[in-house]
Amino acid sequence: MKHLTEAVAEVLSIPKEVATNIPKLVLIGDRELILEGLQGLLEYESHTVRVSLGKQVLTVKGNALNISYIAIGQIHINGQIFSVEFQ
């Protein structure tokens, strides 16, 4: 069963990730990750980027990872991405 906020978002044509604080990820091949819903940066190395999504942690593993953009609520990660994992 849908939560009330999801049902309201659907009726009002509001994106679900906006109404429910669900993070939005866009993965472009294995070279770029765009993430909306960022709460904080926990770790940043050339092979691992860990970010807080509130109740979850997202770990990106790869090679030559680089943060090309970071702002309130959003981050862009470039490099060779091997895996994306929620914890």
N, C-alpha and C. Protein backbone atom coordinates (compact mmCIF):
# COMPACT_ATOMS: atom_id res chain seq x y z
N MET A 1 0.83 -1.18 0.00
CA MET A 1 0.00 0.00 0.00
C MET A 1 0.88 1.25 0.00
N LYS A 2 0.49 2.24 -0.76
CA LYS A 2 1.25 3.48 -0.84
C LYS A 2 1.08 4.29 0.43
N HIS A 3 2.13 5.02 0.76
CA HIS A 3 2.04 5.97 1.86
C HIS A 3 1.21 7.16 1.39
N LEU A 4 0.63 7.87 2.31
CA LEU A 4 -0.19 9.03 1.99
C LEU A 4 0.58 10.06 1.18
N THR A 5 1.84 10.32 1.56
CA THR A 5 2.61 11.33 0.83
C THR A 5 2.87 10.91 -0.62
N GLU A 6 3.07 9.61 -0.85
CA GLU A 6 3.26 9.13 -2.22
C GLU A 6 1.98 9.30 -3.03
N ALA A 7 0.84 9.01 -2.41
CA ALA A 7 -0.44 9.15 -3.10
C ALA A 7 -0.73 10.62 -3.44
N VAL A 8 -0.45 11.51 -2.50
CA VAL A 8 -0.66 12.93 -2.74
C VAL A 8 0.28 13.42 -3.84
N ALA A 9 1.52 13.00 -3.79
CA ALA A 9 2.49 13.39 -4.82
C ALA A 9 2.03 12.94 -6.20
N GLU A 10 1.48 11.75 -6.27
CA GLU A 10 1.00 11.23 -7.55
C GLU A 10 -0.17 12.05 -8.07
N VAL A 11 -1.11 12.37 -7.20
CA VAL A 11 -2.29 13.15 -7.60
C VAL A 11 -1.88 14.54 -8.05
N LEU A 12 -0.91 15.15 -7.37
CA LEU A 12 -0.49 16.51 -7.69
C LEU A 12 0.63 16.56 -8.74
N SER A 13 1.02 15.39 -9.23
CA SER A 13 2.09 15.28 -10.22
C SER A 13 3.41 15.86 -9.72
N ILE A 14 3.69 15.65 -8.44
CA ILE A 14 4.96 16.05 -7.85
C ILE A 14 5.86 14.83 -7.88
N PRO A 15 7.12 14.99 -8.29
CA PRO A 15 8.02 13.84 -8.28
C PRO A 15 8.10 13.21 -6.89
N LYS A 16 8.06 11.89 -6.86
CA LYS A 16 8.06 11.15 -5.60
C LYS A 16 9.27 11.48 -4.73
N GLU A 17 10.44 11.65 -5.36
CA GLU A 17 11.64 11.91 -4.58
C GLU A 17 11.58 13.28 -3.89
N VAL A 18 10.83 14.22 -4.44
CA VAL A 18 10.69 15.53 -3.82
C VAL A 18 9.75 15.46 -2.63
N ALA A 19 8.63 14.78 -2.79
CA ALA A 19 7.61 14.72 -1.75
C ALA A 19 8.01 13.83 -0.58
N THR A 20 8.83 12.82 -0.81
CA THR A 20 9.12 11.84 0.23
C THR A 20 10.58 11.82 0.67
N ASN A 21 11.39 12.73 0.19
CA ASN A 21 12.82 12.78 0.53
C ASN A 21 13.57 11.52 0.12
N ILE A 22 13.13 10.88 -0.93
CA ILE A 22 13.84 9.73 -1.49
C ILE A 22 14.96 10.27 -2.37
N PRO A 23 16.19 9.78 -2.20
CA PRO A 23 17.27 10.28 -3.04
C PRO A 23 17.07 9.89 -4.50
N LYS A 24 17.53 10.76 -5.39
CA LYS A 24 17.45 10.50 -6.83
C LYS A 24 18.86 10.33 -7.35
N LEU A 25 19.11 9.21 -8.03
CA LEU A 25 20.41 8.93 -8.62
C LEU A 25 20.27 8.82 -10.12
N VAL A 26 21.20 9.45 -10.83
CA VAL A 26 21.29 9.30 -12.28
C VAL A 26 22.69 8.79 -12.55
N LEU A 27 22.78 7.59 -13.09
CA LEU A 27 24.07 6.98 -13.43
C LEU A 27 24.22 7.02 -14.94
N ILE A 28 25.27 7.68 -15.39
CA ILE A 28 25.52 7.81 -16.83
C ILE A 28 26.67 6.88 -17.16
N GLY A 29 26.32 5.72 -17.72
CA GLY A 29 27.32 4.70 -18.00
C GLY A 29 28.01 4.31 -16.71
N ASP A 30 29.32 4.13 -16.80
CA ASP A 30 30.12 3.86 -15.60
C ASP A 30 31.05 5.03 -15.31
N ARG A 31 30.69 6.22 -15.82
CA ARG A 31 31.59 7.38 -15.74
C ARG A 31 31.06 8.55 -14.92
N GLU A 32 29.77 8.62 -14.64
CA GLU A 32 29.24 9.77 -13.91
C GLU A 32 28.02 9.39 -13.10
N LEU A 33 27.97 9.90 -11.87
CA LEU A 33 26.82 9.71 -10.99
C LEU A 33 26.36 11.08 -10.52
N ILE A 34 25.09 11.37 -10.71
CA ILE A 34 24.48 12.60 -10.22
C ILE A 34 23.51 12.19 -9.12
N LEU A 35 23.68 12.76 -7.95
CA LEU A 35 22.87 12.40 -6.79
C LEU A 35 22.20 13.63 -6.22
N GLU A 36 20.88 13.55 -6.04
CA GLU A 36 20.11 14.58 -5.35
C GLU A 36 19.58 13.96 -4.07
N GLY A 37 19.63 14.70 -2.99
CA GLY A 37 19.20 14.19 -1.69
C GLY A 37 20.37 14.04 -0.73
N LEU A 38 21.50 14.61 -1.08
CA LEU A 38 22.71 14.55 -0.27
C LEU A 38 22.49 15.25 1.06
N GLN A 39 22.88 14.58 2.14
CA GLN A 39 22.84 15.17 3.48
C GLN A 39 24.23 15.57 3.96
N GLY A 40 25.25 14.86 3.48
CA GLY A 40 26.61 15.18 3.90
C GLY A 40 27.62 14.27 3.25
N LEU A 41 28.85 14.74 3.16
CA LEU A 41 29.97 13.96 2.63
C LEU A 41 30.70 13.31 3.79
N LEU A 42 30.81 11.98 3.77
CA LEU A 42 31.43 11.24 4.86
C LEU A 42 32.87 10.83 4.57
N GLU A 43 33.15 10.50 3.31
CA GLU A 43 34.49 10.05 2.93
C GLU A 43 34.71 10.38 1.46
N TYR A 44 35.92 10.83 1.16
CA TYR A 44 36.26 11.14 -0.23
C TYR A 44 37.70 10.76 -0.49
N GLU A 45 37.88 9.72 -1.28
CA GLU A 45 39.19 9.27 -1.73
C GLU A 45 39.06 8.94 -3.20
N SER A 46 40.19 8.71 -3.86
CA SER A 46 40.15 8.46 -5.30
C SER A 46 39.47 7.15 -5.67
N HIS A 47 39.28 6.26 -4.69
CA HIS A 47 38.65 4.95 -4.96
C HIS A 47 37.32 4.76 -4.23
N THR A 48 36.96 5.67 -3.31
CA THR A 48 35.72 5.54 -2.54
C THR A 48 35.14 6.92 -2.21
N VAL A 49 33.84 7.05 -2.43
CA VAL A 49 33.11 8.24 -1.97
C VAL A 49 31.91 7.72 -1.18
N ARG A 50 31.80 8.17 0.07
CA ARG A 50 30.66 7.81 0.92
C ARG A 50 29.91 9.08 1.30
N VAL A 51 28.58 9.03 1.12
CA VAL A 51 27.76 10.19 1.45
C VAL A 51 26.58 9.77 2.31
N SER A 52 26.13 10.71 3.12
CA SER A 52 24.95 10.47 3.95
C SER A 52 23.71 10.91 3.19
N LEU A 53 22.70 10.05 3.26
CA LEU A 53 21.40 10.36 2.66
C LEU A 53 20.34 10.47 3.76
N GLY A 54 20.75 10.80 4.95
CA GLY A 54 19.83 10.84 6.09
C GLY A 54 19.89 9.51 6.81
N LYS A 55 18.92 8.65 6.56
CA LYS A 55 18.86 7.34 7.22
C LYS A 55 19.73 6.29 6.53
N GLN A 56 20.26 6.61 5.36
CA GLN A 56 21.09 5.67 4.61
C GLN A 56 22.44 6.28 4.29
N VAL A 57 23.39 5.41 3.97
CA VAL A 57 24.70 5.83 3.48
C VAL A 57 24.87 5.22 2.10
N LEU A 58 25.33 6.03 1.17
CA LEU A 58 25.60 5.57 -0.20
C LEU A 58 27.11 5.52 -0.38
N THR A 59 27.61 4.36 -0.82
CA THR A 59 29.04 4.19 -1.08
C THR A 59 29.24 3.98 -2.57
N VAL A 60 30.12 4.79 -3.14
CA VAL A 60 30.49 4.66 -4.55
C VAL A 60 31.95 4.22 -4.57
N LYS A 61 32.20 3.10 -5.27
CA LYS A 61 33.58 2.61 -5.39
C LYS A 61 33.98 2.65 -6.85
N GLY A 62 35.26 2.95 -7.07
CA GLY A 62 35.73 3.03 -8.45
C GLY A 62 37.19 3.40 -8.52
N ASN A 63 37.57 3.96 -9.64
CA ASN A 63 38.95 4.34 -9.91
C ASN A 63 38.96 5.79 -10.37
N ALA A 64 39.90 6.57 -9.85
CA ALA A 64 40.05 7.99 -10.21
C ALA A 64 38.75 8.76 -10.00
N LEU A 65 38.06 8.50 -8.89
CA LEU A 65 36.81 9.20 -8.60
C LEU A 65 37.10 10.66 -8.25
N ASN A 66 36.24 11.53 -8.74
CA ASN A 66 36.41 12.96 -8.56
C ASN A 66 35.04 13.58 -8.32
N ILE A 67 34.95 14.49 -7.36
CA ILE A 67 33.72 15.25 -7.16
C ILE A 67 33.81 16.49 -8.04
N SER A 68 33.02 16.51 -9.10
CA SER A 68 33.08 17.63 -10.03
C SER A 68 32.15 18.76 -9.62
N TYR A 69 31.17 18.45 -8.75
CA TYR A 69 30.21 19.47 -8.30
C TYR A 69 29.63 19.02 -6.97
N ILE A 70 29.52 19.94 -6.02
CA ILE A 70 28.84 19.65 -4.77
C ILE A 70 28.16 20.94 -4.30
N ALA A 71 26.92 20.80 -3.89
CA ALA A 71 26.14 21.93 -3.39
C ALA A 71 25.17 21.37 -2.35
N ILE A 72 24.39 22.23 -1.76
CA ILE A 72 23.41 21.77 -0.78
C ILE A 72 22.47 20.78 -1.47
N GLY A 73 22.48 19.55 -0.99
CA GLY A 73 21.56 18.52 -1.49
C GLY A 73 21.97 17.81 -2.75
N GLN A 74 23.13 18.16 -3.34
CA GLN A 74 23.48 17.55 -4.63
C GLN A 74 24.99 17.35 -4.76
N ILE A 75 25.35 16.26 -5.46
CA ILE A 75 26.76 15.96 -5.74
C ILE A 75 26.86 15.26 -7.10
N HIS A 76 27.95 15.57 -7.82
CA HIS A 76 28.25 14.89 -9.10
C HIS A 76 29.61 14.22 -8.92
N ILE A 77 29.66 12.93 -9.20
CA ILE A 77 30.89 12.16 -9.07
C ILE A 77 31.28 11.63 -10.45
N ASN A 78 32.52 11.87 -10.84
CA ASN A 78 33.05 11.40 -12.12
C ASN A 78 34.19 10.42 -11.87
N GLY A 79 34.48 9.60 -12.85
CA GLY A 79 35.56 8.63 -12.78
C GLY A 79 35.05 7.30 -13.29
N GLN A 80 35.81 6.27 -13.08
CA GLN A 80 35.36 4.93 -13.47
C GLN A 80 34.64 4.32 -12.26
N ILE A 81 33.32 4.21 -12.36
CA ILE A 81 32.50 3.72 -11.25
C ILE A 81 32.33 2.21 -11.36
N PHE A 82 32.74 1.51 -10.30
CA PHE A 82 32.60 0.05 -10.24
C PHE A 82 31.32 -0.37 -9.57
N SER A 83 30.94 0.31 -8.47
CA SER A 83 29.74 -0.10 -7.73
C SER A 83 29.13 1.08 -6.99
N VAL A 84 27.81 0.96 -6.75
CA VAL A 84 27.05 1.92 -5.97
C VAL A 84 26.24 1.09 -4.98
N GLU A 85 26.43 1.36 -3.69
CA GLU A 85 25.83 0.50 -2.66
C GLU A 85 25.13 1.35 -1.59
N PHE A 86 23.90 0.94 -1.22
CA PHE A 86 23.18 1.55 -0.12
C PHE A 86 23.42 0.75 1.14
N GLN A 87 23.61 1.44 2.27
CA GLN A 87 23.79 0.76 3.56
C GLN A 87 22.81 1.35 4.55
